[in-house]
């Protein structure tokens, strides 16, 4: 998020317009079986190397929630 804000601030300060579109698909991935998704990507012609990269990113991802300020 910091990089996005910094980039937007840079362009705004230099007189450019900044347009942003955000799509939150996090809930979708809570209910999708990843193996099926990756198999369908292969079925529609996505290069196997890209699908393997995506699969490894999802296997290696974890989430940590920190509560409080101390």
C-alpha atoms as a PDB file:
ATOM      1  CA  UNK A   1       0.000   0.000   0.000  1.00  0.00           C
ATOM      2  CA  UNK A   2       2.895   2.365   0.774  1.00  0.00           C
ATOM      3  CA  UNK A   3       4.235   2.033  -2.764  1.00  0.00           C
ATOM      4  CA  UNK A   4       0.821   2.863  -4.216  1.00  0.00           C
ATOM      5  CA  UNK A   5       0.466   5.961  -2.065  1.00  0.00           C
ATOM      6  CA  UNK A   6       4.011   7.098  -2.772  1.00  0.00           C
ATOM      7  CA  UNK A   7       3.587   6.638  -6.503  1.00  0.00           C
ATOM      8  CA  UNK A   8       0.265   8.491  -6.537  1.00  0.00           C
ATOM      9  CA  UNK A   9       1.713  11.340  -4.448  1.00  0.00           C
ATOM     10  CA  UNK A  10       4.679  11.660  -6.831  1.00  0.00           C
ATOM     11  CA  UNK A  11       2.491  11.979  -9.914  1.00  0.00           C
ATOM     12  CA  UNK A  12       0.009  14.345  -8.232  1.00  0.00           C
ATOM     13  CA  UNK A  13       2.845  16.604  -7.052  1.00  0.00           C
ATOM     14  CA  UNK A  14       4.145  16.700 -10.626  1.00  0.00           C
ATOM     15  CA  UNK A  15       0.798  17.752 -12.075  1.00  0.00           C
ATOM     16  CA  UNK A  16      -0.525  14.429 -13.381  1.00  0.00           C
ATOM     17  CA  UNK A  17      -3.918  12.892 -12.813  1.00  0.00           C
ATOM     18  CA  UNK A  18      -3.982   9.592 -10.970  1.00  0.00           C
ATOM     19  CA  UNK A  19      -6.811   7.122 -11.581  1.00  0.00           C
ATOM     20  CA  UNK A  20      -7.114   3.990  -9.464  1.00  0.00           C
ATOM     21  CA  UNK A  21      -9.430   1.004  -9.745  1.00  0.00           C
ATOM     22  CA  UNK A  22      -9.509  -1.653  -7.036  1.00  0.00           C
ATOM     23  CA  UNK A  23     -11.222  -5.018  -7.124  1.00  0.00           C
ATOM     24  CA  UNK A  24     -11.418  -6.983  -3.879  1.00  0.00           C
ATOM     25  CA  UNK A  25     -11.596 -10.652  -4.791  1.00  0.00           C
ATOM     26  CA  UNK A  26     -10.311 -11.969  -1.466  1.00  0.00           C
ATOM     27  CA  UNK A  27     -13.648 -13.568  -0.518  1.00  0.00           C
ATOM     28  CA  UNK A  28     -13.766 -15.366  -3.839  1.00  0.00           C
ATOM     29  CA  UNK A  29     -10.495 -17.112  -3.098  1.00  0.00           C
ATOM     30  CA  UNK A  30     -11.818 -18.279   0.286  1.00  0.00           C
ATOM     31  CA  UNK A  31     -14.369 -20.467  -1.490  1.00  0.00           C
ATOM     32  CA  UNK A  32     -12.548 -21.520  -4.673  1.00  0.00           C
ATOM     33  CA  UNK A  33     -10.720 -24.829  -4.820  1.00  0.00           C
ATOM     34  CA  UNK A  34      -7.320 -23.677  -6.071  1.00  0.00           C
ATOM     35  CA  UNK A  35      -6.441 -26.918  -7.838  1.00  0.00           C
ATOM     36  CA  UNK A  36      -9.616 -26.600  -9.933  1.00  0.00           C
ATOM     37  CA  UNK A  37      -8.865 -22.959 -10.712  1.00  0.00           C
ATOM     38  CA  UNK A  38      -5.340 -23.749 -11.883  1.00  0.00           C
ATOM     39  CA  UNK A  39      -6.525 -26.701 -13.966  1.00  0.00           C
ATOM     40  CA  UNK A  40      -9.102 -24.450 -15.687  1.00  0.00           C
ATOM     41  CA  UNK A  41      -6.448 -21.841 -16.394  1.00  0.00           C
ATOM     42  CA  UNK A  42      -4.487 -24.549 -18.212  1.00  0.00           C
ATOM     43  CA  UNK A  43      -7.662 -25.614 -20.061  1.00  0.00           C
ATOM     44  CA  UNK A  44      -8.190 -22.103 -21.448  1.00  0.00           C
ATOM     45  CA  UNK A  45      -4.613 -21.885 -22.701  1.00  0.00           C
ATOM     46  CA  UNK A  46      -2.670 -20.163 -19.910  1.00  0.00           C
ATOM     47  CA  UNK A  47       1.015 -21.130 -20.244  1.00  0.00           C
ATOM     48  CA  UNK A  48       1.926 -23.909 -17.778  1.00  0.00           C
ATOM     49  CA  UNK A  49       4.843 -21.888 -16.399  1.00  0.00           C
ATOM     50  CA  UNK A  50       2.520 -19.046 -15.393  1.00  0.00           C
ATOM     51  CA  UNK A  51       0.061 -21.470 -13.764  1.00  0.00           C
ATOM     52  CA  UNK A  52       2.926 -23.121 -11.854  1.00  0.00           C
ATOM     53  CA  UNK A  53       4.100 -19.700 -10.683  1.00  0.00           C
ATOM     54  CA  UNK A  54       0.615 -18.776  -9.460  1.00  0.00           C
ATOM     55  CA  UNK A  55       0.205 -22.141  -7.736  1.00  0.00           C
ATOM     56  CA  UNK A  56       3.521 -21.778  -5.918  1.00  0.00           C
ATOM     57  CA  UNK A  57       2.607 -18.252  -4.813  1.00  0.00           C
ATOM     58  CA  UNK A  58      -0.628 -19.532  -3.274  1.00  0.00           C
ATOM     59  CA  UNK A  59       1.103 -22.471  -1.599  1.00  0.00           C
ATOM     60  CA  UNK A  60       3.712 -20.192  -0.040  1.00  0.00           C
ATOM     61  CA  UNK A  61       1.271 -17.525   1.179  1.00  0.00           C
ATOM     62  CA  UNK A  62       0.248 -17.146   4.791  1.00  0.00           C
ATOM     63  CA  UNK A  63      -1.588 -14.495   6.760  1.00  0.00           C
ATOM     64  CA  UNK A  64      -0.796 -13.082  10.166  1.00  0.00           C
ATOM     65  CA  UNK A  65      -3.071 -10.738  12.096  1.00  0.00           C
ATOM     66  CA  UNK A  66      -1.610  -8.528  14.782  1.00  0.00           C
ATOM     67  CA  UNK A  67      -3.957  -6.923  17.279  1.00  0.00           C
ATOM     68  CA  UNK A  68      -3.238  -4.074  19.623  1.00  0.00           C
ATOM     69  CA  UNK A  69      -0.463  -1.521  19.614  1.00  0.00           C
ATOM     70  CA  UNK A  70       1.986  -2.988  22.097  1.00  0.00           C
END
